[in-house]
Amino acid sequence: MLVTSRSYAEYEAMFDLSELPDSVLDCCAGGASFTAEAAARGVDAVAVDPAYEMPTAELVDTVRRSLPAGSQIVDQHAASFVWNWYGDPARKDELRIEAADRFLQDVSIAPERYVAGSLPELPFEDGQFDLVLCSHLLFTWSDKYDQDWHLAALKELVRVSRSEVRIFPLVQQGAGEPVLYLPDLLKALSPVRSEIRKVPYEFQVGADQMLVLNR
């Protein structure tokens, strides 16, 4: 299992965030520090991920081992990545290590913020969160999860959102190929309003857009 530790700064760029609403869900958050840092800003922030079922020692080990594993994916598809946002690999690694440390610290002191669960069935009430974020799961792993799974997952994200869902990126993991059935998914979500919006972040070549869904 890969449990990636993305930073708050990465989330700001990936999701084009300027300020946060009162409540936010980070779905399939992995080892990201976003929830810890959002909570420190006074937001009712919750993270959900199947990895949180692990005993603490196993979770710590998995997060630590995922740091070099994530870099290996980049190395294997080097031509599919650009470094304009990070500057260089060392800066990316620095951000990820800091994020992992912040995540692991917060899990130990505020475990109630980290809920075990996975799409397409989340353990939350209808409309529980003002904003729902989902990074690097939908579309990223479209070679593993089919169109029907994606539709069910999108509907579930909308269900637990009071207002808006943001999903990034809209390309497949590794080589960054487009997801051909995305237009069909958006049609099937009607009457939910959808928008594909450019964001100030690009790591995979061409992965500079997020999907925004509004109830």
N, C-alpha and C. Protein backbone atom coordinates (compact mmCIF):
# COMPACT_ATOMS: atom_id res chain seq x y z
N MET A 1 0.85 -1.21 0.00
CA MET A 1 0.00 0.00 0.00
C MET A 1 0.88 1.25 0.00
N LEU A 2 0.56 2.20 -0.89
CA LEU A 2 1.27 3.47 -0.96
C LEU A 2 0.47 4.51 -0.18
N VAL A 3 1.06 5.07 0.86
CA VAL A 3 0.40 6.08 1.68
C VAL A 3 1.21 7.38 1.53
N THR A 4 0.81 8.19 0.58
CA THR A 4 1.59 9.37 0.19
C THR A 4 1.36 10.52 1.16
N SER A 5 2.43 11.26 1.44
CA SER A 5 2.37 12.40 2.37
C SER A 5 2.53 13.71 1.60
N ARG A 6 1.40 14.29 1.19
CA ARG A 6 1.45 15.58 0.51
C ARG A 6 1.27 16.71 1.52
N SER A 7 1.85 17.85 1.20
CA SER A 7 1.86 18.98 2.12
C SER A 7 0.64 19.88 1.94
N TYR A 8 0.44 20.77 2.90
CA TYR A 8 -0.64 21.76 2.80
C TYR A 8 -0.42 22.66 1.60
N ALA A 9 0.83 23.03 1.33
CA ALA A 9 1.13 23.89 0.18
C ALA A 9 0.75 23.20 -1.12
N GLU A 10 0.98 21.90 -1.21
CA GLU A 10 0.58 21.16 -2.40
C GLU A 10 -0.94 21.16 -2.56
N TYR A 11 -1.64 20.98 -1.46
CA TYR A 11 -3.11 21.01 -1.52
C TYR A 11 -3.61 22.38 -1.97
N GLU A 12 -3.02 23.44 -1.45
CA GLU A 12 -3.44 24.78 -1.87
C GLU A 12 -3.33 24.94 -3.38
N ALA A 13 -2.24 24.42 -3.95
CA ALA A 13 -2.02 24.55 -5.39
C ALA A 13 -2.86 23.57 -6.19
N MET A 14 -2.91 22.32 -5.76
CA MET A 14 -3.67 21.30 -6.50
C MET A 14 -5.14 21.64 -6.60
N PHE A 15 -5.68 22.20 -5.51
CA PHE A 15 -7.11 22.47 -5.45
C PHE A 15 -7.44 23.97 -5.55
N ASP A 16 -6.43 24.78 -5.84
CA ASP A 16 -6.62 26.22 -6.00
C ASP A 16 -7.38 26.78 -4.81
N LEU A 17 -6.87 26.53 -3.61
CA LEU A 17 -7.53 26.96 -2.38
C LEU A 17 -6.99 28.31 -1.94
N SER A 18 -7.87 29.25 -1.65
CA SER A 18 -7.46 30.53 -1.10
C SER A 18 -7.83 30.59 0.39
N GLU A 19 -9.06 30.26 0.71
CA GLU A 19 -9.47 30.13 2.10
C GLU A 19 -10.40 28.93 2.22
N LEU A 20 -10.48 28.39 3.41
CA LEU A 20 -11.25 27.18 3.63
C LEU A 20 -12.58 27.50 4.31
N PRO A 21 -13.63 26.70 4.00
CA PRO A 21 -14.90 26.84 4.71
C PRO A 21 -14.80 26.26 6.12
N ASP A 22 -15.93 26.18 6.80
CA ASP A 22 -15.92 25.73 8.18
C ASP A 22 -15.54 24.26 8.33
N SER A 23 -15.95 23.43 7.35
CA SER A 23 -15.67 21.99 7.47
C SER A 23 -15.17 21.44 6.15
N VAL A 24 -14.15 20.56 6.24
CA VAL A 24 -13.53 19.98 5.05
C VAL A 24 -13.24 18.51 5.30
N LEU A 25 -13.51 17.69 4.28
CA LEU A 25 -13.13 16.28 4.28
C LEU A 25 -12.04 16.06 3.25
N ASP A 26 -10.96 15.43 3.67
CA ASP A 26 -9.91 14.99 2.75
C ASP A 26 -10.10 13.49 2.57
N CYS A 27 -10.59 13.11 1.39
CA CYS A 27 -10.96 11.71 1.15
C CYS A 27 -9.81 10.93 0.56
N CYS A 28 -9.52 9.81 1.21
CA CYS A 28 -8.36 8.98 0.88
C CYS A 28 -7.10 9.83 1.00
N ALA A 29 -6.94 10.38 2.20
CA ALA A 29 -5.93 11.40 2.48
C ALA A 29 -4.53 10.85 2.62
N GLY A 30 -4.40 9.55 2.90
CA GLY A 30 -3.07 8.99 3.08
C GLY A 30 -2.35 9.63 4.24
N GLY A 31 -1.07 9.96 4.01
CA GLY A 31 -0.25 10.56 5.06
C GLY A 31 -0.10 12.06 4.90
N ALA A 32 -1.06 12.71 4.26
CA ALA A 32 -0.98 14.15 4.02
C ALA A 32 -1.11 14.94 5.32
N SER A 33 -0.46 16.10 5.34
CA SER A 33 -0.54 16.97 6.52
C SER A 33 -1.68 17.98 6.41
N PHE A 34 -2.47 17.91 5.35
CA PHE A 34 -3.52 18.90 5.14
C PHE A 34 -4.48 18.99 6.31
N THR A 35 -4.97 17.87 6.78
CA THR A 35 -5.96 17.88 7.86
C THR A 35 -5.39 18.49 9.13
N ALA A 36 -4.17 18.14 9.46
CA ALA A 36 -3.53 18.70 10.65
C ALA A 36 -3.40 20.21 10.54
N GLU A 37 -2.98 20.69 9.38
CA GLU A 37 -2.74 22.12 9.22
C GLU A 37 -4.05 22.89 9.07
N ALA A 38 -5.06 22.29 8.44
CA ALA A 38 -6.37 22.93 8.35
C ALA A 38 -6.98 23.06 9.74
N ALA A 39 -6.86 22.01 10.55
CA ALA A 39 -7.39 22.05 11.92
C ALA A 39 -6.69 23.13 12.73
N ALA A 40 -5.40 23.29 12.52
CA ALA A 40 -4.65 24.34 13.23
C ALA A 40 -5.13 25.73 12.84
N ARG A 41 -5.77 25.85 11.69
CA ARG A 41 -6.33 27.12 11.23
C ARG A 41 -7.78 27.30 11.66
N GLY A 42 -8.28 26.39 12.49
CA GLY A 42 -9.62 26.52 13.03
C GLY A 42 -10.71 25.84 12.23
N VAL A 43 -10.33 25.05 11.23
CA VAL A 43 -11.30 24.36 10.38
C VAL A 43 -11.65 23.01 11.00
N ASP A 44 -12.90 22.62 10.89
CA ASP A 44 -13.32 21.27 11.29
C ASP A 44 -12.89 20.33 10.16
N ALA A 45 -11.69 19.81 10.25
CA ALA A 45 -11.09 19.02 9.18
C ALA A 45 -11.03 17.55 9.57
N VAL A 46 -11.42 16.69 8.63
CA VAL A 46 -11.41 15.25 8.84
C VAL A 46 -10.75 14.59 7.64
N ALA A 47 -9.97 13.56 7.91
CA ALA A 47 -9.35 12.76 6.85
C ALA A 47 -9.91 11.35 6.91
N VAL A 48 -10.11 10.75 5.74
CA VAL A 48 -10.57 9.37 5.68
C VAL A 48 -9.67 8.59 4.74
N ASP A 49 -9.33 7.37 5.14
CA ASP A 49 -8.45 6.53 4.32
C ASP A 49 -8.50 5.11 4.88
N PRO A 50 -8.46 4.09 4.01
CA PRO A 50 -8.44 2.72 4.52
C PRO A 50 -7.18 2.40 5.32
N ALA A 51 -6.11 3.17 5.09
CA ALA A 51 -4.85 2.92 5.81
C ALA A 51 -4.98 3.17 7.30
N TYR A 52 -5.99 3.94 7.72
CA TYR A 52 -6.12 4.26 9.13
C TYR A 52 -6.63 3.08 9.96
N GLU A 53 -6.95 1.99 9.30
CA GLU A 53 -7.27 0.76 10.03
C GLU A 53 -6.02 0.11 10.62
N MET A 54 -4.86 0.46 10.11
CA MET A 54 -3.61 -0.15 10.55
C MET A 54 -3.30 0.20 12.01
N PRO A 55 -2.67 -0.71 12.72
CA PRO A 55 -2.11 -0.35 14.03
C PRO A 55 -1.09 0.78 13.85
N THR A 56 -0.91 1.57 14.87
CA THR A 56 -0.07 2.76 14.76
C THR A 56 1.32 2.46 14.24
N ALA A 57 1.97 1.44 14.76
CA ALA A 57 3.33 1.13 14.34
C ALA A 57 3.39 0.77 12.86
N GLU A 58 2.39 0.04 12.39
CA GLU A 58 2.34 -0.35 10.98
C GLU A 58 2.08 0.87 10.09
N LEU A 59 1.22 1.77 10.54
CA LEU A 59 0.94 2.99 9.77
C LEU A 59 2.19 3.84 9.65
N VAL A 60 2.91 4.01 10.75
CA VAL A 60 4.15 4.78 10.72
C VAL A 60 5.14 4.18 9.73
N ASP A 61 5.30 2.87 9.78
CA ASP A 61 6.22 2.19 8.88
C ASP A 61 5.80 2.34 7.42
N THR A 62 4.50 2.23 7.17
CA THR A 62 4.00 2.33 5.79
C THR A 62 4.20 3.74 5.24
N VAL A 63 3.92 4.75 6.06
CA VAL A 63 4.13 6.14 5.63
C VAL A 63 5.60 6.37 5.31
N ARG A 64 6.48 5.90 6.15
CA ARG A 64 7.92 6.10 5.93
C ARG A 64 8.38 5.38 4.66
N ARG A 65 7.92 4.16 4.48
CA ARG A 65 8.34 3.41 3.29
C ARG A 65 7.76 3.98 2.00
N SER A 66 6.64 4.68 2.10
CA SER A 66 6.00 5.24 0.91
C SER A 66 6.75 6.44 0.35
N LEU A 67 7.57 7.09 1.15
CA LEU A 67 8.31 8.26 0.67
C LEU A 67 9.24 7.89 -0.49
N PRO A 68 10.12 6.92 -0.35
CA PRO A 68 10.96 6.54 -1.50
C PRO A 68 10.18 5.82 -2.59
N ALA A 69 9.12 5.10 -2.22
CA ALA A 69 8.32 4.39 -3.23
C ALA A 69 7.66 5.37 -4.20
N GLY A 70 7.17 6.49 -3.68
CA GLY A 70 6.57 7.50 -4.54
C GLY A 70 7.58 8.11 -5.49
N SER A 71 8.79 8.31 -5.00
CA SER A 71 9.85 8.84 -5.87
C SER A 71 10.21 7.86 -6.98
N GLN A 72 10.11 6.58 -6.71
CA GLN A 72 10.42 5.57 -7.72
C GLN A 72 9.44 5.64 -8.88
N ILE A 73 8.16 5.91 -8.60
CA ILE A 73 7.17 6.05 -9.67
C ILE A 73 7.54 7.20 -10.58
N VAL A 74 7.98 8.30 -9.98
CA VAL A 74 8.40 9.46 -10.77
C VAL A 74 9.61 9.11 -11.63
N ASP A 75 10.56 8.42 -11.02
CA ASP A 75 11.78 8.04 -11.75
C ASP A 75 11.46 7.14 -12.94
N GLN A 76 10.50 6.26 -12.77
CA GLN A 76 10.15 5.31 -13.83
C GLN A 76 9.47 5.99 -15.02
N HIS A 77 8.87 7.16 -14.78
CA HIS A 77 8.17 7.89 -15.83
C HIS A 77 8.70 9.32 -15.91
N ALA A 78 10.01 9.46 -15.87
CA ALA A 78 10.64 10.78 -15.74
C ALA A 78 10.18 11.77 -16.80
N ALA A 79 9.96 11.30 -18.02
CA ALA A 79 9.57 12.20 -19.11
C ALA A 79 8.15 12.74 -18.94
N SER A 80 7.38 12.15 -18.03
CA SER A 80 5.99 12.56 -17.82
C SER A 80 5.83 13.57 -16.70
N PHE A 81 6.94 14.05 -16.14
CA PHE A 81 6.88 14.98 -15.02
C PHE A 81 7.68 16.24 -15.30
N VAL A 82 7.20 17.34 -14.73
CA VAL A 82 7.91 18.63 -14.83
C VAL A 82 8.12 19.17 -13.42
N TRP A 83 9.11 20.04 -13.27
CA TRP A 83 9.52 20.47 -11.93
C TRP A 83 9.31 21.97 -11.71
N ASN A 84 8.44 22.58 -12.51
CA ASN A 84 8.24 24.03 -12.40
C ASN A 84 7.71 24.43 -11.02
N TRP A 85 6.78 23.65 -10.48
CA TRP A 85 6.18 24.02 -9.20
C TRP A 85 7.13 23.74 -8.04
N TYR A 86 7.75 22.56 -8.03
CA TYR A 86 8.64 22.19 -6.93
C TYR A 86 10.01 22.85 -7.04
N GLY A 87 10.48 23.03 -8.25
CA GLY A 87 11.83 23.53 -8.45
C GLY A 87 12.81 22.42 -8.73
N ASP A 88 12.83 21.41 -7.86
CA ASP A 88 13.72 20.26 -8.06
C ASP A 88 13.26 19.11 -7.17
N PRO A 89 13.76 17.89 -7.41
CA PRO A 89 13.34 16.74 -6.60
C PRO A 89 13.62 16.89 -5.12
N ALA A 90 14.69 17.57 -4.77
CA ALA A 90 15.03 17.72 -3.35
C ALA A 90 13.95 18.51 -2.61
N ARG A 91 13.39 19.52 -3.26
CA ARG A 91 12.34 20.31 -2.61
C ARG A 91 11.07 19.49 -2.44
N LYS A 92 10.72 18.68 -3.43
CA LYS A 92 9.56 17.80 -3.30
C LYS A 92 9.76 16.84 -2.12
N ASP A 93 10.93 16.24 -2.05
CA ASP A 93 11.19 15.29 -0.96
C ASP A 93 11.13 15.99 0.40
N GLU A 94 11.63 17.22 0.46
CA GLU A 94 11.58 17.97 1.71
C GLU A 94 10.15 18.22 2.15
N LEU A 95 9.30 18.64 1.20
CA LEU A 95 7.89 18.88 1.52
C LEU A 95 7.21 17.60 2.00
N ARG A 96 7.49 16.50 1.32
CA ARG A 96 6.83 15.24 1.67
C ARG A 96 7.29 14.72 3.04
N ILE A 97 8.56 14.87 3.35
CA ILE A 97 9.06 14.42 4.65
C ILE A 97 8.45 15.26 5.77
N GLU A 98 8.40 16.57 5.57
CA GLU A 98 7.79 17.46 6.57
C GLU A 98 6.31 17.12 6.75
N ALA A 99 5.62 16.84 5.63
CA ALA A 99 4.19 16.49 5.70
C ALA A 99 3.98 15.19 6.46
N ALA A 100 4.83 14.20 6.20
CA ALA A 100 4.73 12.92 6.90
C ALA A 100 4.91 13.10 8.40
N ASP A 101 5.88 13.90 8.78
CA ASP A 101 6.12 14.15 10.20
C ASP A 101 4.92 14.83 10.86
N ARG A 102 4.35 15.81 10.17
CA ARG A 102 3.19 16.53 10.72
C ARG A 102 1.98 15.61 10.82
N PHE A 103 1.77 14.80 9.80
CA PHE A 103 0.66 13.83 9.82
C PHE A 103 0.79 12.86 10.99
N LEU A 104 1.96 12.25 11.13
CA LEU A 104 2.14 11.24 12.17
C LEU A 104 2.02 11.85 13.56
N GLN A 105 2.45 13.08 13.72
CA GLN A 105 2.30 13.76 15.00
C GLN A 105 0.82 13.99 15.30
N ASP A 106 0.06 14.43 14.28
CA ASP A 106 -1.35 14.75 14.51
C ASP A 106 -2.17 13.49 14.76
N VAL A 107 -1.86 12.41 14.06
CA VAL A 107 -2.57 11.15 14.30
C VAL A 107 -2.43 10.73 15.76
N SER A 108 -1.27 10.97 16.33
CA SER A 108 -1.03 10.53 17.71
C SER A 108 -1.75 11.39 18.73
N ILE A 109 -1.97 12.69 18.41
CA ILE A 109 -2.59 13.57 19.40
C ILE A 109 -4.07 13.84 19.12
N ALA A 110 -4.52 13.61 17.88
CA ALA A 110 -5.93 13.85 17.54
C ALA A 110 -6.45 12.75 16.63
N PRO A 111 -6.45 11.50 17.09
CA PRO A 111 -6.85 10.38 16.23
C PRO A 111 -8.29 10.48 15.74
N GLU A 112 -9.13 11.26 16.44
CA GLU A 112 -10.53 11.38 16.02
C GLU A 112 -10.67 12.07 14.67
N ARG A 113 -9.63 12.76 14.24
CA ARG A 113 -9.68 13.43 12.94
C ARG A 113 -9.41 12.45 11.78
N TYR A 114 -8.99 11.24 12.08
CA TYR A 114 -8.56 10.29 11.05
C TYR A 114 -9.43 9.04 11.11
N VAL A 115 -10.29 8.91 10.11
CA VAL A 115 -11.34 7.90 10.10
C VAL A 115 -11.03 6.85 9.05
N ALA A 116 -11.10 5.58 9.45
CA ALA A 116 -10.89 4.50 8.49
C ALA A 116 -12.13 4.36 7.61
N GLY A 117 -11.92 4.34 6.31
CA GLY A 117 -13.02 4.20 5.37
C GLY A 117 -12.52 4.32 3.95
N SER A 118 -13.35 3.94 3.00
CA SER A 118 -12.92 4.00 1.60
C SER A 118 -14.13 4.17 0.68
N LEU A 119 -13.88 4.75 -0.46
CA LEU A 119 -14.90 4.85 -1.50
C LEU A 119 -15.18 3.49 -2.10
N PRO A 120 -16.42 3.23 -2.54
CA PRO A 120 -17.50 4.20 -2.73
C PRO A 120 -18.51 4.27 -1.59
N GLU A 121 -18.12 3.85 -0.38
CA GLU A 121 -19.05 3.95 0.76
C GLU A 121 -18.30 4.58 1.94
N LEU A 122 -18.63 5.83 2.24
CA LEU A 122 -17.96 6.56 3.30
C LEU A 122 -18.81 6.59 4.57
N PRO A 123 -18.17 6.56 5.74
CA PRO A 123 -18.90 6.50 7.01
C PRO A 123 -19.31 7.88 7.53
N PHE A 124 -19.98 8.67 6.67
CA PHE A 124 -20.37 10.03 7.05
C PHE A 124 -21.83 10.28 6.67
N GLU A 125 -22.40 11.32 7.30
CA GLU A 125 -23.79 11.69 7.04
C GLU A 125 -23.91 12.45 5.72
N ASP A 126 -25.11 12.50 5.18
CA ASP A 126 -25.37 13.31 3.99
C ASP A 126 -25.05 14.77 4.29
N GLY A 127 -24.33 15.43 3.38
CA GLY A 127 -24.05 16.84 3.52
C GLY A 127 -23.27 17.22 4.76
N GLN A 128 -22.40 16.35 5.22
CA GLN A 128 -21.70 16.60 6.49
C GLN A 128 -20.60 17.66 6.36
N PHE A 129 -20.03 17.82 5.16
CA PHE A 129 -18.89 18.72 5.00
C PHE A 129 -19.17 19.80 3.95
N ASP A 130 -18.70 21.01 4.23
CA ASP A 130 -18.86 22.09 3.27
C ASP A 130 -18.08 21.80 1.99
N LEU A 131 -16.87 21.30 2.15
CA LEU A 131 -15.98 21.05 1.02
C LEU A 131 -15.39 19.65 1.15
N VAL A 132 -15.39 18.90 0.04
CA VAL A 132 -14.77 17.58 0.01
C VAL A 132 -13.66 17.59 -1.04
N LEU A 133 -12.47 17.17 -0.64
CA LEU A 133 -11.32 17.11 -1.53
C LEU A 133 -10.92 15.67 -1.74
N CYS A 134 -10.51 15.35 -2.95
CA CYS A 134 -10.05 13.99 -3.25
C CYS A 134 -8.89 14.09 -4.24
N SER A 135 -7.70 13.69 -3.82
CA SER A 135 -6.54 13.79 -4.70
C SER A 135 -5.92 12.42 -4.96
N HIS A 136 -5.54 12.23 -6.21
CA HIS A 136 -4.74 11.09 -6.63
C HIS A 136 -5.35 9.74 -6.27
N LEU A 137 -6.65 9.63 -6.48
CA LEU A 137 -7.32 8.33 -6.38
C LEU A 137 -8.23 8.17 -7.59
N LEU A 138 -9.32 8.94 -7.63
CA LEU A 138 -10.16 8.90 -8.84
C LEU A 138 -9.33 9.35 -10.04
N PHE A 139 -9.55 8.68 -11.14
CA PHE A 139 -8.88 8.94 -12.41
C PHE A 139 -7.40 8.53 -12.37
N THR A 140 -6.70 8.84 -11.30
CA THR A 140 -5.30 8.44 -11.18
C THR A 140 -5.14 6.94 -11.35
N TRP A 141 -6.06 6.19 -10.73
CA TRP A 141 -5.99 4.73 -10.78
C TRP A 141 -7.11 4.15 -11.65
N SER A 142 -7.40 4.82 -12.76
CA SER A 142 -8.48 4.35 -13.62
C SER A 142 -8.13 3.06 -14.36
N ASP A 143 -6.88 2.65 -14.31
CA ASP A 143 -6.51 1.34 -14.84
C ASP A 143 -6.89 0.22 -13.87
N LYS A 144 -7.16 0.60 -12.63
CA LYS A 144 -7.51 -0.37 -11.59
C LYS A 144 -9.00 -0.34 -11.27
N TYR A 145 -9.58 0.87 -11.25
CA TYR A 145 -11.00 1.04 -10.92
C TYR A 145 -11.75 1.45 -12.19
N ASP A 146 -12.84 0.74 -12.49
CA ASP A 146 -13.51 0.97 -13.77
C ASP A 146 -14.50 2.14 -13.71
N GLN A 147 -15.19 2.34 -14.81
CA GLN A 147 -16.11 3.47 -14.93
C GLN A 147 -17.25 3.40 -13.92
N ASP A 148 -17.80 2.22 -13.69
CA ASP A 148 -18.90 2.07 -12.73
C ASP A 148 -18.44 2.43 -11.32
N TRP A 149 -17.23 2.00 -10.96
CA TRP A 149 -16.68 2.35 -9.64
C TRP A 149 -16.53 3.86 -9.52
N HIS A 150 -16.02 4.49 -10.56
CA HIS A 150 -15.83 5.93 -10.53
C HIS A 150 -17.16 6.67 -10.35
N LEU A 151 -18.19 6.21 -11.05
CA LEU A 151 -19.48 6.86 -10.93
C LEU A 151 -20.01 6.74 -9.50
N ALA A 152 -19.91 5.54 -8.93
CA ALA A 152 -20.37 5.35 -7.56
C ALA A 152 -19.55 6.20 -6.59
N ALA A 153 -18.24 6.31 -6.81
CA ALA A 153 -17.38 7.11 -5.94
C ALA A 153 -17.72 8.59 -6.04
N LEU A 154 -17.94 9.08 -7.25
CA LEU A 154 -18.30 10.49 -7.43
C LEU A 154 -19.62 10.81 -6.74
N LYS A 155 -20.60 9.94 -6.89
CA LYS A 155 -21.90 10.15 -6.24
C LYS A 155 -21.75 10.17 -4.72
N GLU A 156 -20.86 9.34 -4.20
CA GLU A 156 -20.65 9.30 -2.75
C GLU A 156 -19.98 10.57 -2.25
N LEU A 157 -19.02 11.09 -3.00
CA LEU A 157 -18.38 12.35 -2.63
C LEU A 157 -19.39 13.48 -2.61
N VAL A 158 -20.27 13.50 -3.60
CA VAL A 158 -21.32 14.52 -3.65
C VAL A 158 -22.28 14.35 -2.47
N ARG A 159 -22.59 13.11 -2.12
CA ARG A 159 -23.54 12.85 -1.02
C ARG A 159 -23.06 13.46 0.29
N VAL A 160 -21.78 13.32 0.61
CA VAL A 160 -21.28 13.78 1.91
C VAL A 160 -20.92 15.26 1.90
N SER A 161 -21.01 15.90 0.72
CA SER A 161 -20.71 17.32 0.60
C SER A 161 -21.98 18.16 0.74
N ARG A 162 -21.87 19.24 1.49
CA ARG A 162 -22.97 20.20 1.61
C ARG A 162 -22.98 21.16 0.43
N SER A 163 -21.80 21.34 -0.18
CA SER A 163 -21.71 22.36 -1.22
C SER A 163 -20.86 21.91 -2.41
N GLU A 164 -19.56 21.61 -2.17
CA GLU A 164 -18.65 21.45 -3.30
C GLU A 164 -17.69 20.29 -3.11
N VAL A 165 -17.35 19.66 -4.24
CA VAL A 165 -16.34 18.59 -4.29
C VAL A 165 -15.27 19.01 -5.29
N ARG A 166 -14.01 18.82 -4.92
CA ARG A 166 -12.90 19.10 -5.84
C ARG A 166 -12.03 17.84 -5.95
N ILE A 167 -11.72 17.47 -7.19
CA ILE A 167 -10.97 16.23 -7.46
C ILE A 167 -9.78 16.56 -8.35
N PHE A 168 -8.61 16.07 -7.98
CA PHE A 168 -7.38 16.30 -8.74
C PHE A 168 -6.52 15.05 -8.67
N PRO A 169 -5.80 14.71 -9.74
CA PRO A 169 -5.83 15.26 -11.10
C PRO A 169 -6.83 14.48 -11.96
N LEU A 170 -6.85 14.80 -13.24
CA LEU A 170 -7.80 14.15 -14.16
C LEU A 170 -7.08 13.29 -15.18
N VAL A 171 -5.89 12.79 -14.82
CA VAL A 171 -5.12 11.91 -15.70
C VAL A 171 -4.69 10.68 -14.90
N GLN A 172 -4.24 9.67 -15.62
CA GLN A 172 -3.82 8.43 -14.98
C GLN A 172 -2.45 8.57 -14.34
N GLN A 173 -2.21 7.73 -13.36
CA GLN A 173 -0.94 7.69 -12.65
C GLN A 173 0.19 7.29 -13.59
N GLY A 174 1.38 7.82 -13.31
CA GLY A 174 2.56 7.42 -14.09
C GLY A 174 2.70 8.20 -15.37
N ALA A 175 2.22 7.64 -16.46
CA ALA A 175 2.41 8.26 -17.77
C ALA A 175 1.51 9.47 -18.00
N GLY A 176 0.46 9.62 -17.19
CA GLY A 176 -0.41 10.79 -17.29
C GLY A 176 -1.37 10.77 -18.46
N GLU A 177 -1.82 9.58 -18.85
CA GLU A 177 -2.75 9.48 -19.98
C GLU A 177 -4.14 9.96 -19.57
N PRO A 178 -4.91 10.53 -20.50
CA PRO A 178 -6.25 11.02 -20.18
C PRO A 178 -7.21 9.87 -19.87
N VAL A 179 -8.28 10.19 -19.16
CA VAL A 179 -9.32 9.21 -18.82
C VAL A 179 -10.46 9.39 -19.82
N LEU A 180 -10.59 8.45 -20.74
CA LEU A 180 -11.48 8.62 -21.89
C LEU A 180 -12.95 8.66 -21.52
N TYR A 181 -13.32 8.03 -20.40
CA TYR A 181 -14.73 7.99 -20.04
C TYR A 181 -15.15 9.14 -19.12
N LEU A 182 -14.30 10.12 -18.89
CA LEU A 182 -14.66 11.25 -18.03
C LEU A 182 -15.92 11.98 -18.52
N PRO A 183 -16.04 12.30 -19.83
CA PRO A 183 -17.27 12.98 -20.28
C PRO A 183 -18.54 12.19 -19.99
N ASP A 184 -18.49 10.87 -20.14
CA ASP A 184 -19.65 10.04 -19.85
C ASP A 184 -20.01 10.08 -18.36
N LEU A 185 -18.99 10.12 -17.51
CA LEU A 185 -19.24 10.20 -16.08
C LEU A 185 -19.95 11.50 -15.72
N LEU A 186 -19.51 12.59 -16.30
CA LEU A 186 -20.12 13.88 -15.98
C LEU A 186 -21.58 13.94 -16.44
N LYS A 187 -21.86 13.33 -17.58
CA LYS A 187 -23.26 13.26 -18.03
C LYS A 187 -24.11 12.45 -17.07
N ALA A 188 -23.55 11.36 -16.58
CA ALA A 188 -24.30 10.48 -15.69
C ALA A 188 -24.54 11.11 -14.32
N LEU A 189 -23.78 12.14 -13.96
CA LEU A 189 -23.93 12.80 -12.67
C LEU A 189 -25.04 13.85 -12.66
N SER A 190 -25.55 14.21 -13.81
CA SER A 190 -26.62 15.22 -13.89
C SER A 190 -27.77 14.85 -12.93
N PRO A 191 -28.28 15.82 -12.16
CA PRO A 191 -28.18 17.28 -12.31
C PRO A 191 -27.05 17.94 -11.53
N VAL A 192 -26.12 17.18 -10.98
CA VAL A 192 -24.97 17.80 -10.32
C VAL A 192 -24.20 18.62 -11.34
N ARG A 193 -23.87 19.86 -10.97
CA ARG A 193 -23.14 20.74 -11.87
C ARG A 193 -21.66 20.41 -11.82
N SER A 194 -21.02 20.37 -12.98
CA SER A 194 -19.60 20.02 -13.05
C SER A 194 -18.83 21.07 -13.84
N GLU A 195 -17.59 21.26 -13.45
CA GLU A 195 -16.70 22.21 -14.13
C GLU A 195 -15.28 21.66 -14.07
N ILE A 196 -14.58 21.71 -15.18
CA ILE A 196 -13.16 21.38 -15.20
C ILE A 196 -12.40 22.70 -15.16
N ARG A 197 -11.60 22.87 -14.11
CA ARG A 197 -10.97 24.17 -13.84
C ARG A 197 -9.45 24.02 -13.77
N LYS A 198 -8.74 24.93 -14.39
CA LYS A 198 -7.28 24.94 -14.35
C LYS A 198 -6.80 25.35 -12.97
N VAL A 199 -5.71 24.74 -12.50
CA VAL A 199 -5.16 25.05 -11.18
C VAL A 199 -3.70 25.49 -11.32
N PRO A 200 -3.15 26.18 -10.32
CA PRO A 200 -1.78 26.66 -10.38
C PRO A 200 -0.76 25.60 -9.96
N TYR A 201 -0.92 24.40 -10.45
CA TYR A 201 -0.04 23.29 -10.07
C TYR A 201 0.05 22.33 -11.24
N GLU A 202 1.26 21.90 -11.54
CA GLU A 202 1.46 20.85 -12.53
C GLU A 202 2.71 20.08 -12.15
N PHE A 203 2.57 18.78 -12.01
CA PHE A 203 3.71 17.90 -11.77
C PHE A 203 3.76 16.87 -12.90
N GLN A 204 2.69 16.08 -13.03
CA GLN A 204 2.58 15.28 -14.24
C GLN A 204 2.30 16.20 -15.42
N VAL A 205 2.93 15.94 -16.54
CA VAL A 205 2.73 16.77 -17.72
C VAL A 205 1.25 16.79 -18.10
N GLY A 206 0.69 17.98 -18.22
CA GLY A 206 -0.71 18.12 -18.61
C GLY A 206 -1.71 17.95 -17.48
N ALA A 207 -1.25 17.62 -16.29
CA ALA A 207 -2.15 17.43 -15.14
C ALA A 207 -2.25 18.73 -14.37
N ASP A 208 -2.95 19.69 -14.95
CA ASP A 208 -3.09 21.00 -14.33
C ASP A 208 -4.56 21.42 -14.24
N GLN A 209 -5.44 20.42 -14.13
CA GLN A 209 -6.87 20.70 -14.03
C GLN A 209 -7.50 19.86 -12.92
N MET A 210 -8.53 20.43 -12.30
CA MET A 210 -9.31 19.69 -11.31
C MET A 210 -10.77 19.66 -11.77
N LEU A 211 -11.49 18.70 -11.25
CA LEU A 211 -12.93 18.60 -11.48
C LEU A 211 -13.63 19.19 -10.27
N VAL A 212 -14.55 20.12 -10.50
CA VAL A 212 -15.33 20.74 -9.44
C VAL A 212 -16.80 20.34 -9.62
N LEU A 213 -17.39 19.78 -8.57
CA LEU A 213 -18.79 19.37 -8.57
C LEU A 213 -19.53 20.19 -7.55
N ASN A 214 -20.69 20.70 -7.92
CA ASN A 214 -21.52 21.48 -7.00
C ASN A 214 -22.92 20.90 -6.93
N ARG A 215 -23.42 20.78 -5.73
CA ARG A 215 -24.77 20.25 -5.52
C ARG A 215 -25.81 21.23 -6.02
